Amino acid sequence: MAEQRDLSVRAITIFGLSLVATIMLVMLASGLLSGYWHKAYLAHQPMPLPVRMLSQVPPEPRLQVNAPVDLEHWRATEDTLLNNYAWVDRENGIVRIPIGRAMELIEQHGVVK
């Protein structure tokens, strides 16, 4: 008596091919439904306002166009204020001094009130 196989290669192949075909059909159906639902969604959206259709520059203040350059300019201005001498009020003898020098003076003399 001949020994029988437990599994049929033909049955496994048919099952695998039918599984792949089913997955492909489900993907196709979901893609078609998604496209249909998207078109239906867009059809029920209100028309854009005419103001939005115009391409004009909005009024001030506008958003930053180039933030890194703006930050660089701001830091340069701050560095100038913190590291250079300048008159604040010449008539009253008020001067701005570099922050490093101000810290040295406070270290030597303390805070003057």
PDB file of N, CA and C in Angstrom:
ATOM      1  N   MET A   1       0.832  -1.156   0.000  1.00  0.00           N
ATOM      2  CA  MET A   1       0.000   0.000   0.000  1.00  0.00           C
ATOM      3  C   MET A   1       0.893   1.241   0.000  1.00  0.00           C
ATOM      4  N   ALA A   2       0.566   2.206  -0.853  1.00  0.00           N
ATOM      5  CA  ALA A   2       1.363   3.417  -1.015  1.00  0.00           C
ATOM      6  C   ALA A   2       0.979   4.446   0.052  1.00  0.00           C
ATOM      7  N   GLU A   3       1.977   5.147   0.473  1.00  0.00           N
ATOM      8  CA  GLU A   3       1.755   6.167   1.513  1.00  0.00           C
ATOM      9  C   GLU A   3       1.148   7.425   0.878  1.00  0.00           C
ATOM     10  N   GLN A   4       0.147   8.004   1.516  1.00  0.00           N
ATOM     11  CA  GLN A   4      -0.479   9.218   1.008  1.00  0.00           C
ATOM     12  C   GLN A   4       0.180  10.455   1.629  1.00  0.00           C
ATOM     13  N   ARG A   5       0.161  11.509   0.850  1.00  0.00           N
ATOM     14  CA  ARG A   5       0.706  12.772   1.353  1.00  0.00           C
ATOM     15  C   ARG A   5      -0.344  13.423   2.255  1.00  0.00           C
ATOM     16  N   ASP A   6       0.130  14.165   3.238  1.00  0.00           N
ATOM     17  CA  ASP A   6      -0.785  14.870   4.125  1.00  0.00           C
ATOM     18  C   ASP A   6      -1.360  16.113   3.457  1.00  0.00           C
ATOM     19  N   LEU A   7      -0.521  16.834   2.690  1.00  0.00           N
ATOM     20  CA  LEU A   7      -0.949  18.073   2.051  1.00  0.00           C
ATOM     21  C   LEU A   7      -0.806  17.949   0.544  1.00  0.00           C
ATOM     22  N   SER A   8      -1.712  18.599  -0.157  1.00  0.00           N
ATOM     23  CA  SER A   8      -1.669  18.590  -1.602  1.00  0.00           C
ATOM     24  C   SER A   8      -1.008  19.878  -2.079  1.00  0.00           C
ATOM     25  N   VAL A   9       0.019  19.767  -2.893  1.00  0.00           N
ATOM     26  CA  VAL A   9       0.715  20.935  -3.427  1.00  0.00           C
ATOM     27  C   VAL A   9      -0.262  21.742  -4.286  1.00  0.00           C
ATOM     28  N   ARG A  10      -1.090  21.059  -5.006  1.00  0.00           N
ATOM     29  CA  ARG A  10      -2.055  21.739  -5.864  1.00  0.00           C
ATOM     30  C   ARG A  10      -3.044  22.564  -5.026  1.00  0.00           C
ATOM     31  N   ALA A  11      -3.516  22.025  -3.933  1.00  0.00           N
ATOM     32  CA  ALA A  11      -4.467  22.732  -3.071  1.00  0.00           C
ATOM     33  C   ALA A  11      -3.816  23.963  -2.435  1.00  0.00           C
ATOM     34  N   ILE A  12      -2.574  23.838  -2.000  1.00  0.00           N
ATOM     35  CA  ILE A  12      -1.859  24.978  -1.403  1.00  0.00           C
ATOM     36  C   ILE A  12      -1.643  26.060  -2.450  1.00  0.00           C
ATOM     37  N   THR A  13      -1.283  25.689  -3.676  1.00  0.00           N
ATOM     38  CA  THR A  13      -1.065  26.657  -4.741  1.00  0.00           C
ATOM     39  C   THR A  13      -2.365  27.396  -5.077  1.00  0.00           C
ATOM     40  N   ILE A  14      -3.450  26.647  -5.193  1.00  0.00           N
ATOM     41  CA  ILE A  14      -4.747  27.264  -5.492  1.00  0.00           C
ATOM     42  C   ILE A  14      -5.145  28.219  -4.372  1.00  0.00           C
ATOM     43  N   PHE A  15      -4.947  27.807  -3.119  1.00  0.00           N
ATOM     44  CA  PHE A  15      -5.276  28.675  -1.983  1.00  0.00           C
ATOM     45  C   PHE A  15      -4.437  29.944  -2.007  1.00  0.00           C
ATOM     46  N   GLY A  16      -3.149  29.830  -2.256  1.00  0.00           N
ATOM     47  CA  GLY A  16      -2.259  30.997  -2.294  1.00  0.00           C
ATOM     48  C   GLY A  16      -2.642  31.958  -3.406  1.00  0.00           C
ATOM     49  N   LEU A  17      -2.900  31.429  -4.604  1.00  0.00           N
ATOM     50  CA  LEU A  17      -3.291  32.285  -5.719  1.00  0.00           C
ATOM     51  C   LEU A  17      -4.634  32.964  -5.467  1.00  0.00           C
ATOM     52  N   SER A  18      -5.570  32.245  -4.885  1.00  0.00           N
ATOM     53  CA  SER A  18      -6.878  32.854  -4.586  1.00  0.00           C
ATOM     54  C   SER A  18      -6.735  33.915  -3.485  1.00  0.00           C
ATOM     55  N   LEU A  19      -5.844  33.707  -2.542  1.00  0.00           N
ATOM     56  CA  LEU A  19      -5.600  34.697  -1.495  1.00  0.00           C
ATOM     57  C   LEU A  19      -5.007  35.976  -2.102  1.00  0.00           C
ATOM     58  N   VAL A  20      -4.033  35.840  -2.985  1.00  0.00           N
ATOM     59  CA  VAL A  20      -3.433  36.994  -3.654  1.00  0.00           C
ATOM     60  C   VAL A  20      -4.472  37.721  -4.498  1.00  0.00           C
ATOM     61  N   ALA A  21      -5.300  36.978  -5.231  1.00  0.00           N
ATOM     62  CA  ALA A  21      -6.339  37.598  -6.063  1.00  0.00           C
ATOM     63  C   ALA A  21      -7.355  38.340  -5.195  1.00  0.00           C
ATOM     64  N   THR A  22      -7.724  37.767  -4.067  1.00  0.00           N
ATOM     65  CA  THR A  22      -8.670  38.419  -3.164  1.00  0.00           C
ATOM     66  C   THR A  22      -8.088  39.718  -2.606  1.00  0.00           C
ATOM     67  N   ILE A  23      -6.843  39.682  -2.198  1.00  0.00           N
ATOM     68  CA  ILE A  23      -6.187  40.888  -1.675  1.00  0.00           C
ATOM     69  C   ILE A  23      -6.142  41.970  -2.747  1.00  0.00           C
ATOM     70  N   MET A  24      -5.817  41.590  -3.986  1.00  0.00           N
ATOM     71  CA  MET A  24      -5.769  42.572  -5.066  1.00  0.00           C
ATOM     72  C   MET A  24      -7.152  43.161  -5.344  1.00  0.00           C
ATOM     73  N   LEU A  25      -8.193  42.341  -5.319  1.00  0.00           N
ATOM     74  CA  LEU A  25      -9.553  42.832  -5.535  1.00  0.00           C
ATOM     75  C   LEU A  25      -9.977  43.782  -4.418  1.00  0.00           C
ATOM     76  N   VAL A  26      -9.639  43.460  -3.180  1.00  0.00           N
ATOM     77  CA  VAL A  26      -9.980  44.329  -2.053  1.00  0.00           C
ATOM     78  C   VAL A  26      -9.246  45.666  -2.182  1.00  0.00           C
ATOM     79  N   MET A  27      -7.980  45.649  -2.571  1.00  0.00           N
ATOM     80  CA  MET A  27      -7.222  46.890  -2.741  1.00  0.00           C
ATOM     81  C   MET A  27      -7.816  47.735  -3.869  1.00  0.00           C
ATOM     82  N   LEU A  28      -8.178  47.110  -4.958  1.00  0.00           N
ATOM     83  CA  LEU A  28      -8.789  47.831  -6.074  1.00  0.00           C
ATOM     84  C   LEU A  28     -10.121  48.453  -5.660  1.00  0.00           C
ATOM     85  N   ALA A  29     -10.945  47.675  -4.964  1.00  0.00           N
ATOM     86  CA  ALA A  29     -12.245  48.180  -4.523  1.00  0.00           C
ATOM     87  C   ALA A  29     -12.068  49.335  -3.532  1.00  0.00           C
ATOM     88  N   SER A  30     -11.126  49.225  -2.610  1.00  0.00           N
ATOM     89  CA  SER A  30     -10.925  50.306  -1.643  1.00  0.00           C
ATOM     90  C   SER A  30     -10.394  51.559  -2.332  1.00  0.00           C
ATOM     91  N   GLY A  31      -9.543  51.411  -3.333  1.00  0.00           N
ATOM     92  CA  GLY A  31      -9.061  52.567  -4.086  1.00  0.00           C
ATOM     93  C   GLY A  31     -10.175  53.258  -4.845  1.00  0.00           C
ATOM     94  N   LEU A  32     -11.045  52.470  -5.477  1.00  0.00           N
ATOM     95  CA  LEU A  32     -12.175  53.049  -6.197  1.00  0.00           C
ATOM     96  C   LEU A  32     -13.146  53.753  -5.249  1.00  0.00           C
ATOM     97  N   LEU A  33     -13.437  53.124  -4.117  1.00  0.00           N
ATOM     98  CA  LEU A  33     -14.338  53.738  -3.139  1.00  0.00           C
ATOM     99  C   LEU A  33     -13.731  55.014  -2.554  1.00  0.00           C
ATOM    100  N   SER A  34     -12.452  54.981  -2.289  1.00  0.00           N
ATOM    101  CA  SER A  34     -11.787  56.169  -1.752  1.00  0.00           C
ATOM    102  C   SER A  34     -11.876  57.337  -2.733  1.00  0.00           C
ATOM    103  N   GLY A  35     -11.631  57.068  -4.001  1.00  0.00           N
ATOM    104  CA  GLY A  35     -11.757  58.114  -5.019  1.00  0.00           C
ATOM    105  C   GLY A  35     -13.175  58.640  -5.125  1.00  0.00           C
ATOM    106  N   TYR A  36     -14.153  57.753  -5.073  1.00  0.00           N
ATOM    107  CA  TYR A  36     -15.554  58.167  -5.139  1.00  0.00           C
ATOM    108  C   TYR A  36     -15.919  59.030  -3.942  1.00  0.00           C
ATOM    109  N   TRP A  37     -15.520  58.607  -2.729  1.00  0.00           N
ATOM    110  CA  TRP A  37     -15.849  59.367  -1.524  1.00  0.00           C
ATOM    111  C   TRP A  37     -15.153  60.721  -1.514  1.00  0.00           C
ATOM    112  N   HIS A  38     -13.950  60.781  -2.040  1.00  0.00           N
ATOM    113  CA  HIS A  38     -13.231  62.063  -2.097  1.00  0.00           C
ATOM    114  C   HIS A  38     -13.950  63.031  -3.041  1.00  0.00           C
ATOM    115  N   LYS A  39     -14.379  62.540  -4.190  1.00  0.00           N
ATOM    116  CA  LYS A  39     -15.120  63.394  -5.133  1.00  0.00           C
ATOM    117  C   LYS A  39     -16.442  63.845  -4.525  1.00  0.00           C
ATOM    118  N   ALA A  40     -17.121  62.955  -3.816  1.00  0.00           N
ATOM    119  CA  ALA A  40     -18.385  63.316  -3.176  1.00  0.00           C
ATOM    120  C   ALA A  40     -18.148  64.350  -2.080  1.00  0.00           C
ATOM    121  N   TYR A  41     -17.074  64.221  -1.346  1.00  0.00           N
ATOM    122  CA  TYR A  41     -16.728  65.190  -0.295  1.00  0.00           C
ATOM    123  C   TYR A  41     -16.468  66.565  -0.904  1.00  0.00           C
ATOM    124  N   LEU A  42     -15.684  66.610  -1.976  1.00  0.00           N
ATOM    125  CA  LEU A  42     -15.376  67.883  -2.613  1.00  0.00           C
ATOM    126  C   LEU A  42     -16.620  68.531  -3.215  1.00  0.00           C
ATOM    127  N   ALA A  43     -17.548  67.716  -3.694  1.00  0.00           N
ATOM    128  CA  ALA A  43     -18.767  68.254  -4.300  1.00  0.00           C
ATOM    129  C   ALA A  43     -19.638  68.951  -3.260  1.00  0.00           C
ATOM    130  N   HIS A  44     -19.549  68.557  -1.998  1.00  0.00           N
ATOM    131  CA  HIS A  44     -20.373  69.138  -0.951  1.00  0.00           C
ATOM    132  C   HIS A  44     -19.670  70.281  -0.206  1.00  0.00           C
ATOM    133  N   GLN A  45     -18.467  70.644  -0.593  1.00  0.00           N
ATOM    134  CA  GLN A  45     -17.754  71.752   0.044  1.00  0.00           C
ATOM    135  C   GLN A  45     -18.235  73.072  -0.531  1.00  0.00           C
ATOM    136  N   PRO A  46     -18.284  74.127   0.289  1.00  0.00           N
ATOM    137  CA  PRO A  46     -18.708  75.430  -0.235  1.00  0.00           C
ATOM    138  C   PRO A  46     -17.651  75.994  -1.179  1.00  0.00           C
ATOM    139  N   MET A  47     -18.085  76.879  -2.041  1.00  0.00           N
ATOM    140  CA  MET A  47     -17.160  77.524  -2.981  1.00  0.00           C
ATOM    141  C   MET A  47     -16.213  78.431  -2.194  1.00  0.00           C
ATOM    142  N   PRO A  48     -14.968  78.552  -2.641  1.00  0.00           N
ATOM    143  CA  PRO A  48     -14.049  79.440  -1.937  1.00  0.00           C
ATOM    144  C   PRO A  48     -14.490  80.897  -2.092  1.00  0.00           C
ATOM    145  N   LEU A  49     -14.186  81.679  -1.076  1.00  0.00           N
ATOM    146  CA  LEU A  49     -14.546  83.090  -1.118  1.00  0.00           C
ATOM    147  C   LEU A  49     -13.760  83.796  -2.214  1.00  0.00           C
ATOM    148  N   PRO A  50     -14.361  84.796  -2.869  1.00  0.00           N
ATOM    149  CA  PRO A  50     -13.645  85.512  -3.926  1.00  0.00           C
ATOM    150  C   PRO A  50     -12.373  86.181  -3.419  1.00  0.00           C
ATOM    151  N   VAL A  51     -12.346  86.562  -2.148  1.00  0.00           N
ATOM    152  CA  VAL A  51     -11.151  87.191  -1.590  1.00  0.00           C
ATOM    153  C   VAL A  51      -9.981  86.216  -1.615  1.00  0.00           C
ATOM    154  N   ARG A  52     -10.268  84.947  -1.354  1.00  0.00           N
ATOM    155  CA  ARG A  52      -9.195  83.953  -1.353  1.00  0.00           C
ATOM    156  C   ARG A  52      -8.648  83.705  -2.752  1.00  0.00           C
ATOM    157  N   MET A  53      -9.429  83.986  -3.756  1.00  0.00           N
ATOM    158  CA  MET A  53      -8.997  83.729  -5.123  1.00  0.00           C
ATOM    159  C   MET A  53      -8.063  84.825  -5.625  1.00  0.00           C
ATOM    160  N   LEU A  54      -8.083  86.004  -4.987  1.00  0.00           N
ATOM    161  CA  LEU A  54      -7.206  87.095  -5.390  1.00  0.00           C
ATOM    162  C   LEU A  54      -5.798  86.838  -4.873  1.00  0.00           C
ATOM    163  N   SER A  55      -4.826  87.192  -5.675  1.00  0.00           N
ATOM    164  CA  SER A  55      -3.441  87.016  -5.237  1.00  0.00           C
ATOM    165  C   SER A  55      -2.846  88.388  -4.960  1.00  0.00           C
ATOM    166  N   GLN A  56      -3.124  88.896  -3.766  1.00  0.00           N
ATOM    167  CA  GLN A  56      -2.583  90.180  -3.377  1.00  0.00           C
ATOM    168  C   GLN A  56      -1.830  90.028  -2.063  1.00  0.00           C
ATOM    169  N   VAL A  57      -0.941  90.931  -1.820  1.00  0.00           N
ATOM    170  CA  VAL A  57      -0.133  90.884  -0.612  1.00  0.00           C
ATOM    171  C   VAL A  57      -1.012  91.315   0.560  1.00  0.00           C
ATOM    172  N   PRO A  58      -1.015  90.532   1.648  1.00  0.00           N
ATOM    173  CA  PRO A  58      -1.831  90.909   2.797  1.00  0.00           C
ATOM    174  C   PRO A  58      -1.262  92.146   3.488  1.00  0.00           C
ATOM    175  N   PRO A  59      -2.077  92.841   4.272  1.00  0.00           N
ATOM    176  CA  PRO A  59      -1.588  94.038   4.952  1.00  0.00           C
ATOM    177  C   PRO A  59      -0.585  93.696   6.050  1.00  0.00           C
ATOM    178  N   GLU A  60       0.137  94.704   6.501  1.00  0.00           N
ATOM    179  CA  GLU A  60       1.104  94.526   7.589  1.00  0.00           C
ATOM    180  C   GLU A  60       0.351  94.187   8.863  1.00  0.00           C
ATOM    181  N   PRO A  61       0.892  93.515   9.797  1.00  0.00           N
ATOM    182  CA  PRO A  61       2.174  92.827   9.782  1.00  0.00           C
ATOM    183  C   PRO A  61       2.044  91.475   9.097  1.00  0.00           C
ATOM    184  N   ARG A  62       3.008  91.144   8.280  1.00  0.00           N
ATOM    185  CA  ARG A  62       3.010  89.865   7.573  1.00  0.00           C
ATOM    186  C   ARG A  62       3.915  88.876   8.310  1.00  0.00           C
ATOM    187  N   LEU A  63       3.781  87.623   7.961  1.00  0.00           N
ATOM    188  CA  LEU A  63       4.623  86.592   8.544  1.00  0.00           C
ATOM    189  C   LEU A  63       6.050  86.732   8.026  1.00  0.00           C
ATOM    190  N   GLN A  64       6.966  86.143   8.751  1.00  0.00           N
ATOM    191  CA  GLN A  64       8.361  86.197   8.324  1.00  0.00           C
ATOM    192  C   GLN A  64       8.528  85.431   7.020  1.00  0.00           C
ATOM    193  N   VAL A  65       9.297  86.016   6.120  1.00  0.00           N
ATOM    194  CA  VAL A  65       9.564  85.364   4.848  1.00  0.00           C
ATOM    195  C   VAL A  65      10.811  84.506   4.969  1.00  0.00           C
ATOM    196  N   ASN A  66      11.816  85.038   5.667  1.00  0.00           N
ATOM    197  CA  ASN A  66      13.079  84.320   5.801  1.00  0.00           C
ATOM    198  C   ASN A  66      13.530  84.413   7.256  1.00  0.00           C
ATOM    199  N   ALA A  67      13.036  83.503   8.083  1.00  0.00           N
ATOM    200  CA  ALA A  67      13.296  83.545   9.520  1.00  0.00           C
ATOM    201  C   ALA A  67      14.784  83.462   9.869  1.00  0.00           C
ATOM    202  N   PRO A  68      15.585  82.611   9.230  1.00  0.00           N
ATOM    203  CA  PRO A  68      17.009  82.562   9.601  1.00  0.00           C
ATOM    204  C   PRO A  68      17.725  83.893   9.386  1.00  0.00           C
ATOM    205  N   VAL A  69      17.401  84.598   8.307  1.00  0.00           N
ATOM    206  CA  VAL A  69      18.046  85.891   8.056  1.00  0.00           C
ATOM    207  C   VAL A  69      17.574  86.912   9.086  1.00  0.00           C
ATOM    208  N   ASP A  70      16.274  86.892   9.420  1.00  0.00           N
ATOM    209  CA  ASP A  70      15.758  87.801  10.440  1.00  0.00           C
ATOM    210  C   ASP A  70      16.428  87.548  11.786  1.00  0.00           C
ATOM    211  N   LEU A  71      16.600  86.279  12.141  1.00  0.00           N
ATOM    212  CA  LEU A  71      17.267  85.940  13.392  1.00  0.00           C
ATOM    213  C   LEU A  71      18.711  86.414  13.387  1.00  0.00           C
ATOM    214  N   GLU A  72      19.394  86.272  12.276  1.00  0.00           N
ATOM    215  CA  GLU A  72      20.781  86.730  12.164  1.00  0.00           C
ATOM    216  C   GLU A  72      20.875  88.248  12.353  1.00  0.00           C
ATOM    217  N   HIS A  73      19.968  88.993  11.746  1.00  0.00           N
ATOM    218  CA  HIS A  73      19.958  90.451  11.919  1.00  0.00           C
ATOM    219  C   HIS A  73      19.659  90.840  13.364  1.00  0.00           C
ATOM    220  N   TRP A  74      18.700  90.155  13.976  1.00  0.00           N
ATOM    221  CA  TRP A  74      18.355  90.441  15.360  1.00  0.00           C
ATOM    222  C   TRP A  74      19.539  90.172  16.279  1.00  0.00           C
ATOM    223  N   ARG A  75      20.221  89.037  16.083  1.00  0.00           N
ATOM    224  CA  ARG A  75      21.397  88.718  16.910  1.00  0.00           C
ATOM    225  C   ARG A  75      22.510  89.732  16.702  1.00  0.00           C
ATOM    226  N   ALA A  76      22.708  90.187  15.473  1.00  0.00           N
ATOM    227  CA  ALA A  76      23.747  91.199  15.218  1.00  0.00           C
ATOM    228  C   ALA A  76      23.406  92.496  15.942  1.00  0.00           C
ATOM    229  N   THR A  77      22.143  92.884  15.921  1.00  0.00           N
ATOM    230  CA  THR A  77      21.727  94.092  16.637  1.00  0.00           C
ATOM    231  C   THR A  77      21.938  93.933  18.139  1.00  0.00           C
ATOM    232  N   GLU A  78      21.560  92.791  18.680  1.00  0.00           N
ATOM    233  CA  GLU A  78      21.753  92.544  20.105  1.00  0.00           C
ATOM    234  C   GLU A  78      23.231  92.524  20.473  1.00  0.00           C
ATOM    235  N   ASP A  79      24.061  91.899  19.645  1.00  0.00           N
ATOM    236  CA  ASP A  79      25.504  91.884  19.907  1.00  0.00           C
ATOM    237  C   ASP A  79      26.071  93.294  19.908  1.00  0.00           C
ATOM    238  N   THR A  80      25.611  94.134  19.005  1.00  0.00           N
ATOM    239  CA  THR A  80      26.063  95.516  18.957  1.00  0.00           C
ATOM    240  C   THR A  80      25.678  96.245  20.243  1.00  0.00           C
ATOM    241  N   LEU A  81      24.459  96.044  20.696  1.00  0.00           N
ATOM    242  CA  LEU A  81      24.012  96.699  21.930  1.00  0.00           C
ATOM    243  C   LEU A  81      24.767  96.197  23.155  1.00  0.00           C
ATOM    244  N   LEU A  82      25.073  94.908  23.187  1.00  0.00           N
ATOM    245  CA  LEU A  82      25.702  94.325  24.371  1.00  0.00           C
ATOM    246  C   LEU A  82      27.216  94.495  24.423  1.00  0.00           C
ATOM    247  N   ASN A  83      27.857  94.730  23.302  1.00  0.00           N
ATOM    248  CA  ASN A  83      29.321  94.716  23.274  1.00  0.00           C
ATOM    249  C   ASN A  83      29.970  96.027  22.876  1.00  0.00           C
ATOM    250  N   ASN A  84      29.224  97.128  22.795  1.00  0.00           N
ATOM    251  CA  ASN A  84      29.806  98.400  22.382  1.00  0.00           C
ATOM    252  C   ASN A  84      29.371  99.520  23.318  1.00  0.00           C
ATOM    253  N   TYR A  85      30.216 100.536  23.372  1.00  0.00           N
ATOM    254  CA  TYR A  85      29.885 101.752  24.112  1.00  0.00           C
ATOM    255  C   TYR A  85      28.989 102.629  23.235  1.00  0.00           C
ATOM    256  N   ALA A  86      28.040 103.326  23.877  1.00  0.00           N
ATOM    257  CA  ALA A  86      27.194 104.277  23.143  1.00  0.00           C
ATOM    258  C   ALA A  86      26.507 105.196  24.137  1.00  0.00           C
ATOM    259  N   TRP A  87      26.222 106.397  23.688  1.00  0.00           N
ATOM    260  CA  TRP A  87      25.483 107.344  24.518  1.00  0.00           C
ATOM    261  C   TRP A  87      24.011 106.961  24.519  1.00  0.00           C
ATOM    262  N   VAL A  88      23.434 106.936  25.708  1.00  0.00           N
ATOM    263  CA  VAL A  88      21.993 106.753  25.840  1.00  0.00           C
ATOM    264  C   VAL A  88      21.346 108.126  25.953  1.00  0.00           C
ATOM    265  N   ASP A  89      21.925 108.957  26.827  1.00  0.00           N
ATOM    266  CA  ASP A  89      21.449 110.335  27.017  1.00  0.00           C
ATOM    267  C   ASP A  89      22.669 111.205  27.288  1.00  0.00           C
ATOM    268  N   ARG A  90      23.172 111.873  26.266  1.00  0.00           N
ATOM    269  CA  ARG A  90      24.408 112.652  26.368  1.00  0.00           C
ATOM    270  C   ARG A  90      24.254 113.813  27.350  1.00  0.00           C
ATOM    271  N   GLU A  91      23.096 114.456  27.375  1.00  0.00           N
ATOM    272  CA  GLU A  91      22.879 115.610  28.252  1.00  0.00           C
ATOM    273  C   GLU A  91      22.978 115.238  29.725  1.00  0.00           C
ATOM    274  N   ASN A  92      22.463 114.054  30.079  1.00  0.00           N
ATOM    275  CA  ASN A  92      22.488 113.624  31.478  1.00  0.00           C
ATOM    276  C   ASN A  92      23.667 112.718  31.791  1.00  0.00           C
ATOM    277  N   GLY A  93      24.538 112.468  30.816  1.00  0.00           N
ATOM    278  CA  GLY A  93      25.729 111.658  31.038  1.00  0.00           C
ATOM    279  C   GLY A  93      25.453 110.173  31.214  1.00  0.00           C
ATOM    280  N   ILE A  94      24.411 109.659  30.550  1.00  0.00           N
ATOM    281  CA  ILE A  94      24.088 108.226  30.642  1.00  0.00           C
ATOM    282  C   ILE A  94      24.687 107.523  29.434  1.00  0.00           C
ATOM    283  N   VAL A  95      25.525 106.499  29.728  1.00  0.00           N
ATOM    284  CA  VAL A  95      26.254 105.780  28.684  1.00  0.00           C
ATOM    285  C   VAL A  95      25.938 104.295  28.789  1.00  0.00           C
ATOM    286  N   ARG A  96      25.866 103.654  27.652  1.00  0.00           N
ATOM    287  CA  ARG A  96      25.726 102.196  27.615  1.00  0.00           C
ATOM    288  C   ARG A  96      27.125 101.615  27.470  1.00  0.00           C
ATOM    289  N   ILE A  97      27.463 100.633  28.329  1.00  0.00           N
ATOM    290  CA  ILE A  97      28.790 100.025  28.279  1.00  0.00           C
ATOM    291  C   ILE A  97      28.636  98.551  27.941  1.00  0.00           C
ATOM    292  N   PRO A  98      29.716  97.935  27.441  1.00  0.00           N
ATOM    293  CA  PRO A  98      29.636  96.501  27.122  1.00  0.00           C
ATOM    294  C   PRO A  98      29.302  95.680  28.365  1.00  0.00           C
ATOM    295  N   ILE A  99      28.583  94.622  28.167  1.00  0.00           N
ATOM    296  CA  ILE A  99      28.114  93.816  29.290  1.00  0.00           C
ATOM    297  C   ILE A  99      29.272  93.184  30.058  1.00  0.00           C
ATOM    298  N   GLY A 100      30.320  92.815  29.349  1.00  0.00           N
ATOM    299  CA  GLY A 100      31.496  92.252  30.038  1.00  0.00           C
ATOM    300  C   GLY A 100      32.123  93.261  30.983  1.00  0.00           C
ATOM    301  N   ARG A 101      32.234  94.494  30.520  1.00  0.00           N
ATOM    302  CA  ARG A 101      32.793  95.562  31.360  1.00  0.00           C
ATOM    303  C   ARG A 101      31.869  95.852  32.539  1.00  0.00           C
ATOM    304  N   ALA A 102      30.556  95.832  32.319  1.00  0.00           N
ATOM    305  CA  ALA A 102      29.603  96.057  33.401  1.00  0.00           C
ATOM    306  C   ALA A 102      29.724  94.976  34.464  1.00  0.00           C
ATOM    307  N   MET A 103      29.917  93.732  34.070  1.00  0.00           N
ATOM    308  CA  MET A 103      30.072  92.648  35.038  1.00  0.00           C
ATOM    309  C   MET A 103      31.371  92.812  35.824  1.00  0.00           C
ATOM    310  N   GLU A 104      32.435  93.272  35.166  1.00  0.00           N
ATOM    311  CA  GLU A 104      33.697  93.524  35.874  1.00  0.00           C
ATOM    312  C   GLU A 104      33.521  94.608  36.928  1.00  0.00           C
ATOM    313  N   LEU A 105      32.831  95.701  36.567  1.00  0.00           N
ATOM    314  CA  LEU A 105      32.613  96.793  37.502  1.00  0.00           C
ATOM    315  C   LEU A 105      31.761  96.354  38.690  1.00  0.00           C
ATOM    316  N   ILE A 106      30.741  95.547  38.441  1.00  0.00           N
ATOM    317  CA  ILE A 106      29.916  95.046  39.544  1.00  0.00           C
ATOM    318  C   ILE A 106      30.730  94.127  40.431  1.00  0.00           C
ATOM    319  N   GLU A 107      31.602  93.324  39.844  1.00  0.00           N
ATOM    320  CA  GLU A 107      32.466  92.444  40.618  1.00  0.00           C
ATOM    321  C   GLU A 107      33.410  93.266  41.509  1.00  0.00           C
ATOM    322  N   GLN A 108      33.952  94.341  41.002  1.00  0.00           N
ATOM    323  CA  GLN A 108      34.898  95.168  41.753  1.00  0.00           C
ATOM    324  C   GLN A 108      34.203  96.047  42.792  1.00  0.00           C
ATOM    325  N   HIS A 109      33.107  96.693  42.428  1.00  0.00           N
ATOM    326  CA  HIS A 109      32.493  97.701  43.285  1.00  0.00           C
ATOM    327  C   HIS A 109      31.161  97.300  43.870  1.00  0.00           C
ATOM    328  N   GLY A 110      30.545  96.247  43.387  1.00  0.00           N
ATOM    329  CA  GLY A 110      29.214  95.876  43.828  1.00  0.00           C
ATOM    330  C   GLY A 110      28.162  96.664  43.080  1.00  0.00           C
ATOM    331  N   VAL A 111      26.899  96.420  43.375  1.00  0.00           N
ATOM    332  CA  VAL A 111      25.802  97.100  42.711  1.00  0.00           C
ATOM    333  C   VAL A 111      25.611  98.476  43.364  1.00  0.00           C
ATOM    334  N   VAL A 112      25.638  99.519  42.563  1.00  0.00           N
ATOM    335  CA  VAL A 112      25.464 100.877  43.068  1.00  0.00           C
ATOM    336  C   VAL A 112      24.006 101.263  42.911  1.00  0.00           C
ATOM    337  N   LYS A 113      23.402 101.750  44.004  1.00  0.00           N
ATOM    338  CA  LYS A 113      21.979 102.141  43.921  1.00  0.00           C
ATOM    339  C   LYS A 113      21.846 103.615  43.816  1.00  0.00           C
TER     340      LYS A 113
END
